[in-house]
Protein backbone atom coordinates (compact mmCIF):
# COMPACT_ATOMS: atom_id res chain seq x y z
CA UNK A 1 -18.70 -11.59 -9.16
CA UNK A 2 -17.05 -9.10 -11.55
CA UNK A 3 -13.39 -8.10 -11.52
CA UNK A 4 -13.98 -4.94 -9.49
CA UNK A 5 -15.74 -6.95 -6.77
CA UNK A 6 -12.81 -9.38 -6.60
CA UNK A 7 -10.10 -6.72 -6.51
CA UNK A 8 -11.83 -4.07 -4.39
CA UNK A 9 -13.14 -4.62 -0.86
CA UNK A 10 -15.74 -1.98 0.02
CA UNK A 11 -15.93 -1.35 3.75
CA UNK A 12 -19.34 0.28 4.00
CA UNK A 13 -21.57 2.00 1.50
CA UNK A 14 -20.47 4.80 -0.82
CA UNK A 15 -23.84 6.53 -0.34
CA UNK A 16 -23.24 10.05 0.91
CA UNK A 17 -19.46 9.79 0.51
CA UNK A 18 -17.50 12.79 -0.69
CA UNK A 19 -14.17 11.06 -1.16
CA UNK A 20 -12.96 7.49 -1.77
CA UNK A 21 -9.99 6.30 0.28
CA UNK A 22 -8.24 3.41 -1.50
CA UNK A 23 -5.83 1.49 0.74
CA UNK A 24 -2.99 -0.77 -0.41
CA UNK A 25 -1.46 -3.32 2.02
CA UNK A 26 2.14 -4.39 2.56
CA UNK A 27 3.80 -7.46 1.00
CA UNK A 28 1.80 -10.58 1.77
CA UNK A 29 -0.88 -8.47 3.41
CA UNK A 30 -4.62 -8.46 2.89
CA UNK A 31 -6.65 -5.27 2.47
CA UNK A 32 -8.80 -6.63 5.30
CA UNK A 33 -6.25 -5.05 7.67
CA UNK A 34 -7.94 -1.73 6.86
CA UNK A 35 -11.47 -2.84 7.74
CA UNK A 36 -11.19 -1.63 11.38
CA UNK A 37 -10.57 1.87 10.03
CA UNK A 38 -14.20 2.13 8.96
CA UNK A 39 -15.55 2.55 12.50
CA UNK A 40 -13.20 5.49 13.08
CA UNK A 41 -13.89 7.36 9.84
CA UNK A 42 -16.94 9.46 8.97
CA UNK A 43 -19.48 8.30 6.39
CA UNK A 44 -18.20 11.02 4.07
CA UNK A 45 -15.11 8.85 3.49
CA UNK A 46 -15.77 5.65 1.51
CA UNK A 47 -13.09 3.16 2.55
CA UNK A 48 -11.93 0.64 -0.07
CA UNK A 49 -9.20 -2.00 0.31
CA UNK A 50 -7.32 -3.01 -2.86
CA UNK A 51 -6.14 -6.60 -3.16
CA UNK A 52 -4.23 -8.34 -5.91
CA UNK A 53 -3.85 -11.98 -7.01
CA UNK A 54 -2.75 -14.64 -4.56
CA UNK A 55 -5.08 -13.77 -1.67
CA UNK A 56 -8.72 -13.43 -0.71
CA UNK A 57 -11.14 -13.64 -3.61
CA UNK A 58 -8.14 -13.80 -5.95
CA UNK A 59 -6.49 -16.68 -4.10
CA UNK A 60 -6.47 -19.01 -7.11
CA UNK A 61 -5.06 -16.42 -9.51
CA UNK A 62 -1.27 -16.55 -10.06
CA UNK A 63 0.43 -13.65 -8.26
CA UNK A 64 2.13 -10.84 -10.13
CA UNK A 65 5.93 -10.63 -9.93
CA UNK A 66 6.45 -7.18 -11.44
CA UNK A 67 5.02 -3.88 -10.22
CA UNK A 68 4.14 -2.18 -13.50
CA UNK A 69 2.00 -5.01 -15.00
CA UNK A 70 0.10 -5.19 -11.70
CA UNK A 71 -0.40 -1.43 -11.65
CA UNK A 72 -1.67 -1.47 -15.24
CA UNK A 73 -4.19 -4.18 -14.32
CA UNK A 74 -5.38 -2.28 -11.26
CA UNK A 75 -5.72 0.94 -13.28
CA UNK A 76 -8.05 -0.75 -15.77
CA UNK A 77 -10.21 -2.14 -12.96
CA UNK A 78 -10.21 1.04 -10.89
CA UNK A 79 -10.86 3.63 -13.60
CA UNK A 80 -14.64 2.98 -13.93
CA UNK A 81 -14.94 3.15 -10.13
CA UNK A 82 -13.55 6.68 -9.86
CA UNK A 83 -16.75 8.72 -9.59
CA UNK A 84 -15.65 11.23 -6.93
CA UNK A 85 -12.39 12.68 -5.55
CA UNK A 86 -10.12 9.92 -4.29
CA UNK A 87 -7.14 9.43 -2.00
CA UNK A 88 -4.51 6.66 -2.07
CA UNK A 89 -2.95 5.24 1.10
CA UNK A 90 -0.27 2.55 0.87
CA UNK A 91 2.00 0.88 3.38
CA UNK A 92 5.45 -0.47 2.45
CA UNK A 93 4.99 -2.32 -0.89
CA UNK A 94 1.53 -0.74 -0.97
CA UNK A 95 3.17 2.70 -1.05
CA UNK A 96 5.07 1.78 -4.18
CA UNK A 97 1.95 0.40 -5.86
CA UNK A 98 -0.14 3.44 -4.90
CA UNK A 99 2.56 5.79 -6.22
CA UNK A 100 2.94 4.00 -9.55
CA UNK A 101 -0.85 3.71 -9.88
CA UNK A 102 -1.16 7.48 -9.46
CA UNK A 103 1.38 7.91 -12.26
CA UNK A 104 -0.38 5.33 -14.45
CA UNK A 105 -3.81 6.97 -14.05
CA UNK A 106 -2.31 10.36 -14.87
CA UNK A 107 -0.71 8.96 -18.02
CA UNK A 108 -3.73 6.91 -19.06
CA UNK A 109 -6.67 9.15 -18.15
CA UNK A 110 -5.23 12.47 -16.95
CA UNK A 111 -6.74 11.98 -13.50
CA UNK A 112 -5.02 11.94 -10.14
CA UNK A 113 -5.72 11.29 -6.48
CA UNK A 114 -6.36 14.47 -4.51
CA UNK A 115 -3.81 13.23 -1.97
CA UNK A 116 -1.25 10.43 -1.79
CA UNK A 117 -0.27 9.05 1.63
CA UNK A 118 2.75 6.78 1.62
CA UNK A 119 3.79 4.80 4.66
CA UNK A 120 6.78 2.76 5.80
CA UNK A 121 8.89 3.25 2.67
CA UNK A 122 11.57 5.51 1.25
CA UNK A 123 10.89 7.13 -2.14
CA UNK A 124 11.07 4.67 -5.06
CA UNK A 125 13.88 6.53 -6.82
CA UNK A 126 16.15 5.77 -3.83
CA UNK A 127 16.15 2.04 -4.59
CA UNK A 128 16.55 -0.78 -2.08
CA UNK A 129 19.26 -0.94 0.57
CA UNK A 130 19.09 -4.51 1.78
CA UNK A 131 20.16 -7.63 -0.18
CA UNK A 132 17.52 -9.44 -2.22
CA UNK A 133 15.49 -11.89 -0.15
CA UNK A 134 12.86 -13.31 -2.50
CA UNK A 135 15.25 -16.01 -3.76
CA UNK A 136 16.43 -17.15 -0.32
CA UNK A 137 15.90 -20.80 0.69
CA UNK A 138 12.70 -21.33 2.64
CA UNK A 139 14.39 -21.43 6.04
CA UNK A 140 16.28 -18.17 5.46
CA UNK A 141 13.22 -16.54 3.90
CA UNK A 142 11.08 -17.47 6.91
CA UNK A 143 13.77 -16.13 9.26
CA UNK A 144 13.61 -12.81 7.40
CA UNK A 145 9.82 -12.74 7.78
CA UNK A 146 10.20 -13.34 11.50
CA UNK A 147 12.75 -10.54 11.76
CA UNK A 148 10.41 -8.13 9.99
CA UNK A 149 7.62 -9.07 12.41
CA UNK A 150 5.00 -8.67 9.69
CA UNK A 151 3.64 -12.19 9.35
CA UNK A 152 1.24 -13.77 11.87
CA UNK A 153 3.09 -16.38 14.00
CA UNK A 154 0.29 -18.87 13.33
CA UNK A 155 1.19 -18.84 9.65
CA UNK A 156 4.92 -19.34 10.15
CA UNK A 157 4.37 -22.30 12.46
CA UNK A 158 1.77 -24.02 10.27
CA UNK A 159 3.31 -26.07 7.41
CA UNK A 160 0.06 -26.16 5.41
CA UNK A 161 -0.46 -22.41 5.61
CA UNK A 162 3.19 -21.81 4.81
CA UNK A 163 2.95 -23.96 1.68
CA UNK A 164 0.03 -21.81 0.51
CA UNK A 165 1.42 -18.49 1.68
CA UNK A 166 5.13 -18.56 0.81
CA UNK A 167 4.72 -18.34 -3.01
CA UNK A 168 2.54 -15.25 -2.56
CA UNK A 169 5.05 -13.64 -0.21
CA UNK A 170 7.93 -14.43 -2.54
CA UNK A 171 6.06 -12.88 -5.47
CA UNK A 172 5.35 -9.71 -3.47
CA UNK A 173 8.97 -9.47 -2.34
CA UNK A 174 10.10 -10.01 -5.93
CA UNK A 175 7.89 -7.15 -7.10
CA UNK A 176 9.42 -4.91 -4.49
CA UNK A 177 13.02 -5.97 -4.97
CA UNK A 178 13.14 -6.01 -8.78
CA UNK A 179 11.29 -2.71 -9.29
CA UNK A 180 13.14 -0.20 -11.48
CA UNK A 181 12.29 3.46 -11.05
CA UNK A 182 11.57 5.53 -14.16
CA UNK A 183 11.97 9.31 -14.05
CA UNK A 184 8.74 11.23 -14.68
CA UNK A 185 7.19 14.60 -13.96
CA UNK A 186 6.35 14.91 -10.25
CA UNK A 187 2.76 14.27 -9.24
CA UNK A 188 0.56 17.34 -8.82
CA UNK A 189 -1.21 16.07 -5.72
CA UNK A 190 0.10 16.60 -2.16
CA UNK A 191 2.10 13.73 -0.64
CA UNK A 192 2.25 12.86 3.05
CA UNK A 193 4.81 10.30 4.25
CA UNK A 194 4.26 8.23 7.42
CA UNK A 195 7.02 6.44 9.30
CA UNK A 196 7.63 4.42 12.44
CA UNK A 197 10.01 5.91 15.00
CA UNK A 198 11.66 2.51 15.48
CA UNK A 199 11.55 1.28 11.89
CA UNK A 200 15.09 0.01 11.24
CA UNK A 201 14.72 0.28 7.48
CA UNK A 202 13.04 3.66 7.01
CA UNK A 203 14.50 6.73 8.72
CA UNK A 204 13.06 10.27 8.82
CA UNK A 205 15.57 11.28 6.12
CA UNK A 206 14.24 8.38 4.01
CA UNK A 207 10.70 9.71 4.36
CA UNK A 208 11.81 13.15 3.19
CA UNK A 209 12.96 11.67 -0.12
CA UNK A 210 9.29 11.56 -1.18
CA UNK A 211 9.29 15.36 -1.39
CA UNK A 212 10.79 15.29 -4.89
CA UNK A 213 7.82 13.27 -6.21
CA UNK A 214 5.29 16.10 -5.87
CA UNK A 215 5.04 19.63 -7.17
CA UNK A 216 2.43 20.32 -4.48
CA UNK A 217 2.66 20.29 -0.68
CA UNK A 218 4.73 17.65 1.12
CA UNK A 219 4.55 16.70 4.78
CA UNK A 220 5.65 13.81 6.99
CA UNK A 221 4.48 12.24 10.25
CA UNK A 222 6.24 9.84 12.61
CA UNK A 223 4.46 7.33 14.86
CA UNK A 224 5.58 5.15 17.73
CA UNK A 225 6.40 1.61 16.65
CA UNK A 226 8.50 -0.35 14.17
CA UNK A 227 7.83 -1.00 10.48
CA UNK A 228 4.29 -2.15 11.24
CA UNK A 229 3.28 0.89 13.25
CA UNK A 230 0.02 1.06 11.27
CA UNK A 231 -1.14 -1.83 13.47
CA UNK A 232 0.34 -0.79 16.81
CA UNK A 233 -0.50 2.92 16.44
CA UNK A 234 -3.71 2.36 14.48
CA UNK A 235 -5.79 5.00 16.29
CA UNK A 236 -3.19 7.72 15.73
CA UNK A 237 -2.64 6.66 12.11
CA UNK A 238 -6.37 6.82 11.30
CA UNK A 239 -6.73 10.21 13.01
CA UNK A 240 -3.80 11.56 11.02
CA UNK A 241 -5.15 10.19 7.74
CA UNK A 242 -8.44 11.95 8.45
CA UNK A 243 -6.70 15.21 9.34
CA UNK A 244 -4.58 15.08 6.20
CA UNK A 245 -7.55 14.67 3.86
CA UNK A 246 -10.27 16.58 5.74
CA UNK A 247 -9.79 19.56 3.44
CA UNK A 248 -11.48 17.65 0.59
CA UNK A 249 -14.58 16.66 2.60
């Protein structure tokens, strides 16, 4: 298995595809959460989940703790795979990684996604509002995970799974919480920002902060649900993703 096969999960065949849709999960998440999207998308969209060390086929690889080194690694792996127009979709931490990857590919190879869809996150230049959590004691860290409602209950109640999973979660949270924004020319691709109507950490005004990161069109969409609306409102999210990128098909 080569590096691309370990980092990229292909949901279906690229044969006949006109655009690649690369999806980036939230902190601690697996790209497998996007697999159900395949049944709802046409064959002209090749769906690919991006995973990084600490999970899945990269479970034994030490997790990254900084965003930019991870993005640079993904860029090197992804560049040979970019054979057609491509779109990035990221949720929460995945939004940050997708955004920085778009900037890295532009700098490295002068290529760009045809569309960037960011979800469940304010623009990176706005920084973080809440106190740092990645250094909390285990009990407090687990309480924060429960509050966020983004970790399966079976994991939090299983000591063996927690022992395996907590270092990965801490590393992802550290990436998110220690990230430092660097000013750069806005991206030239359109950006669409998704948000949950009941997300306590990302308001509609937060979503609008992404507008300054593109010199092209900006739009935003709000869905019913909290921070993890991409699960609860999956059908509507997939339909909206398709509508946003149908112009490139």
